[in-house]
Structure formats: structure tokens, C-alpha cells
Amino acid sequence: MAFLLYQTSTSESRGLLYQKIGEVKLAGDGLIYSTCKKFLGNQNVGWTITASDMLTASGYDPNKHALIIDAAPNRKEYVLFMQIRTISGYSYSEWTPLMLTLESLFADEFEDARAQEIKTEFEDRECPRDRVREFLYLLGGYASTSAQ
């Protein structure tokens, strides 16, 4: 999976336009830790952060940026994009189970050139935006900042 940062802008005729800026790091010392570290201490604790929280903590305007997961980054003809909405976790000392709440943007096969174009820039007017939840866990918890 690739975790991507997109700049967004609105257009009356085109819906929301997404333009790729680059990759971001969620785990380890990435956006999740930098955003939820204020909740962590020396005991087991649950927390929830939003995409807006993560963008703000990293210096981006949540009204002009979005966090996207490319679940098929190595498939040249396939686009499987999910937009991150919230991440909830429960941090134990050595591991952290997570629940990601996402919105489906694309899950389609395209001509190779069109797929690459979408991965660089796309409009959301035809995206289904179905809610999807994904459960993961990170190795690392409140006792370490090196969650993987």
C-alpha cells in the first residue's frame, strides 16, 4: 500500500479535483504518531484521529488536502483508491490495533495510460464514496515510537 497526499480544489463543473503531491508516512514516526502522541502516556489507551487532525499536525490545510491510500500501487492498469477519514486505535505498550474508516474512490481497471493519469490527477464527481473499514495493527505502542 502507498499512502499519498493530494491537493484538492473545487470546480463547479468538475466536482473536487485531486492533484498528487507525493507520498506520506503513516506509521512509525509518521502522521499517526505525530497526531496521537498527545493521547499517549505510560498506560493502555484508546484514541481516534481524523484525516483533518493528521493534515493539520503535519502543516497542511485539511480544506485543501486529502490523504489517499493506493491499495494497488504496483498494478499499472488498476486503480484502488481509498480516502482516509478516521483512524481509531488502542495503544498497548508494544502494539496498536487500528480501525481505519475510509471512503472508496476508485476500484477499477483502466487502460494503462488512463490509470497512470488518474493516479496523478482525478476528479471525484463519479466516485462512489462507499464507507469501508479496515483493521490493521502496528508493531509498537506507547512504550516505543518506532511503530511499524
Protein backbone atom coordinates (compact mmCIF):
# COMPACT_ATOMS: atom_id res chain seq x y z
CA MET A 1 0.00 0.00 0.00
CA ALA A 2 1.08 3.53 -0.66
CA PHE A 3 -0.07 6.47 1.44
CA LEU A 4 -0.44 9.60 -0.65
CA LEU A 5 -1.03 13.30 -0.15
CA TYR A 6 -3.23 15.11 -2.67
CA GLN A 7 -4.02 18.77 -3.04
CA THR A 8 -7.73 19.38 -3.58
CA SER A 9 -9.59 22.23 -5.22
CA THR A 10 -13.22 22.80 -6.11
CA SER A 11 -14.66 23.48 -9.51
CA GLU A 12 -18.38 23.92 -10.18
CA SER A 13 -18.18 22.00 -13.44
CA ARG A 14 -15.81 19.23 -12.32
CA GLY A 15 -16.52 18.48 -8.66
CA LEU A 16 -13.47 18.12 -6.42
CA LEU A 17 -10.15 17.94 -8.24
CA TYR A 18 -7.33 15.90 -6.65
CA GLN A 19 -3.69 16.52 -7.66
CA LYS A 20 -0.96 14.27 -6.29
CA ILE A 21 1.74 15.94 -4.22
CA GLY A 22 3.64 12.85 -3.04
CA GLU A 23 3.86 10.01 -0.56
CA VAL A 24 3.46 10.35 3.19
CA LYS A 25 4.36 8.06 6.07
CA LEU A 26 1.54 6.98 8.39
CA ALA A 27 3.25 4.54 10.78
CA GLY A 28 6.47 4.76 12.77
CA ASP A 29 7.24 8.43 13.35
CA GLY A 30 4.69 9.37 10.66
CA LEU A 31 1.32 11.08 10.72
CA ILE A 32 -0.42 8.68 13.10
CA TYR A 33 2.15 9.05 15.88
CA SER A 34 2.68 12.79 15.43
CA THR A 35 -1.08 13.32 15.68
CA CYS A 36 -1.99 10.96 18.52
CA LYS A 37 1.12 11.31 20.72
CA LYS A 38 -0.78 13.78 22.93
CA PHE A 39 -3.06 10.87 23.95
CA LEU A 40 -0.18 8.51 24.78
CA GLY A 41 1.34 8.17 28.21
CA ASN A 42 2.51 5.10 30.09
CA GLN A 43 -0.72 3.11 30.10
CA ASN A 44 -3.01 1.40 27.61
CA VAL A 45 -5.19 3.99 25.92
CA GLY A 46 -7.73 4.28 23.11
CA TRP A 47 -7.81 7.20 20.70
CA THR A 48 -9.38 8.43 17.45
CA ILE A 49 -7.87 10.89 14.99
CA THR A 50 -9.31 12.29 11.78
CA ALA A 51 -7.64 12.92 8.44
CA SER A 52 -8.13 16.61 9.23
CA ASP A 53 -6.20 16.15 12.51
CA MET A 54 -3.31 14.43 10.69
CA LEU A 55 -3.17 17.04 7.93
CA THR A 56 -3.21 19.90 10.44
CA ALA A 57 -0.49 18.26 12.58
CA SER A 58 1.73 17.98 9.50
CA GLY A 59 1.20 21.58 8.41
CA TYR A 60 -1.34 21.03 5.62
CA ASP A 61 -4.71 22.72 5.27
CA PRO A 62 -7.39 20.00 5.58
CA ASN A 63 -9.69 22.07 3.35
CA LYS A 64 -7.15 21.89 0.53
CA HIS A 65 -5.54 18.46 1.03
CA ALA A 66 -6.54 14.80 1.33
CA LEU A 67 -4.90 11.56 2.45
CA ILE A 68 -5.39 8.72 -0.02
CA ILE A 69 -4.43 5.05 0.19
CA ASP A 70 -3.37 3.44 -3.07
CA ALA A 71 -4.08 -0.21 -2.26
CA ALA A 72 -2.67 -1.40 -5.61
CA PRO A 73 0.38 0.81 -6.25
CA ASN A 74 2.21 -1.77 -8.36
CA ARG A 75 -0.71 -2.60 -10.66
CA LYS A 76 -0.29 -0.29 -13.64
CA GLU A 77 -3.76 -0.91 -15.05
CA TYR A 78 -5.72 -0.93 -11.81
CA VAL A 79 -6.70 1.96 -9.53
CA LEU A 80 -7.81 1.09 -6.00
CA PHE A 81 -8.02 4.38 -4.09
CA MET A 82 -9.50 4.94 -0.63
CA GLN A 83 -9.65 8.31 1.13
CA ILE A 84 -8.80 8.21 4.84
CA ARG A 85 -11.48 9.71 7.09
CA THR A 86 -10.61 8.50 10.63
CA ILE A 87 -8.20 6.16 12.36
CA SER A 88 -9.06 4.69 15.75
CA GLY A 89 -6.55 2.75 17.78
CA TYR A 90 -5.87 1.23 21.14
CA SER A 91 -2.23 1.59 22.12
CA TYR A 92 -0.74 -1.10 24.30
CA SER A 93 2.91 -0.88 25.34
CA GLU A 94 4.21 -2.92 22.37
CA TRP A 95 1.45 -2.96 19.74
CA THR A 96 -1.53 -0.96 18.49
CA PRO A 97 -4.60 -2.40 16.73
CA LEU A 98 -6.18 0.09 14.33
CA MET A 99 -9.51 0.61 12.59
CA LEU A 100 -9.35 2.83 9.51
CA THR A 101 -12.58 4.37 8.23
CA LEU A 102 -12.20 5.04 4.53
CA GLU A 103 -14.24 6.18 1.53
CA SER A 104 -13.96 4.28 -1.73
CA LEU A 105 -12.89 6.50 -4.63
CA PHE A 106 -11.84 4.00 -7.34
CA ALA A 107 -11.77 0.22 -7.64
CA ASP A 108 -11.49 -0.18 -11.40
CA GLU A 109 -9.33 -1.45 -14.21
CA PHE A 110 -8.34 1.09 -16.89
CA GLU A 111 -6.07 1.33 -19.88
CA ASP A 112 -2.53 1.67 -18.53
CA ALA A 113 -2.17 5.34 -19.58
CA ARG A 114 -5.56 6.29 -18.11
CA ALA A 115 -4.77 4.54 -14.82
CA GLN A 116 -1.49 6.45 -14.52
CA GLU A 117 -3.31 9.70 -15.30
CA ILE A 118 -5.87 9.01 -12.55
CA LYS A 119 -3.10 8.24 -10.05
CA THR A 120 -1.63 11.70 -10.78
CA GLU A 121 -4.85 13.74 -11.02
CA PHE A 122 -8.55 12.94 -10.89
CA GLU A 123 -11.99 14.40 -10.27
CA ASP A 124 -14.31 12.86 -7.72
CA ARG A 125 -17.71 13.50 -9.29
CA GLU A 126 -18.17 9.81 -10.20
CA CYS A 127 -16.55 8.28 -7.12
CA PRO A 128 -18.95 6.09 -5.13
CA ARG A 129 -17.59 7.14 -1.71
CA ASP A 130 -18.86 3.96 -0.06
CA ARG A 131 -17.71 3.58 3.56
CA VAL A 132 -15.07 0.91 4.09
CA ARG A 133 -13.45 -0.14 7.34
CA GLU A 134 -10.08 -1.82 7.51
CA PHE A 135 -8.50 -3.40 10.58
CA LEU A 136 -4.71 -3.46 10.95
CA TYR A 137 -2.16 -3.45 13.71
CA LEU A 138 1.14 -1.72 14.23
CA LEU A 139 4.10 -3.28 15.98
CA GLY A 140 4.88 -0.66 18.59
CA GLY A 141 2.79 1.14 21.15
CA TYR A 142 3.05 3.84 23.79
CA ALA A 143 6.33 2.39 25.11
CA SER A 144 8.04 2.92 21.76
CA THR A 145 7.82 5.49 18.99
CA SER A 146 9.00 3.03 16.35
CA ALA A 147 5.63 1.51 15.45
CA GLN A 148 5.88 -0.24 12.10
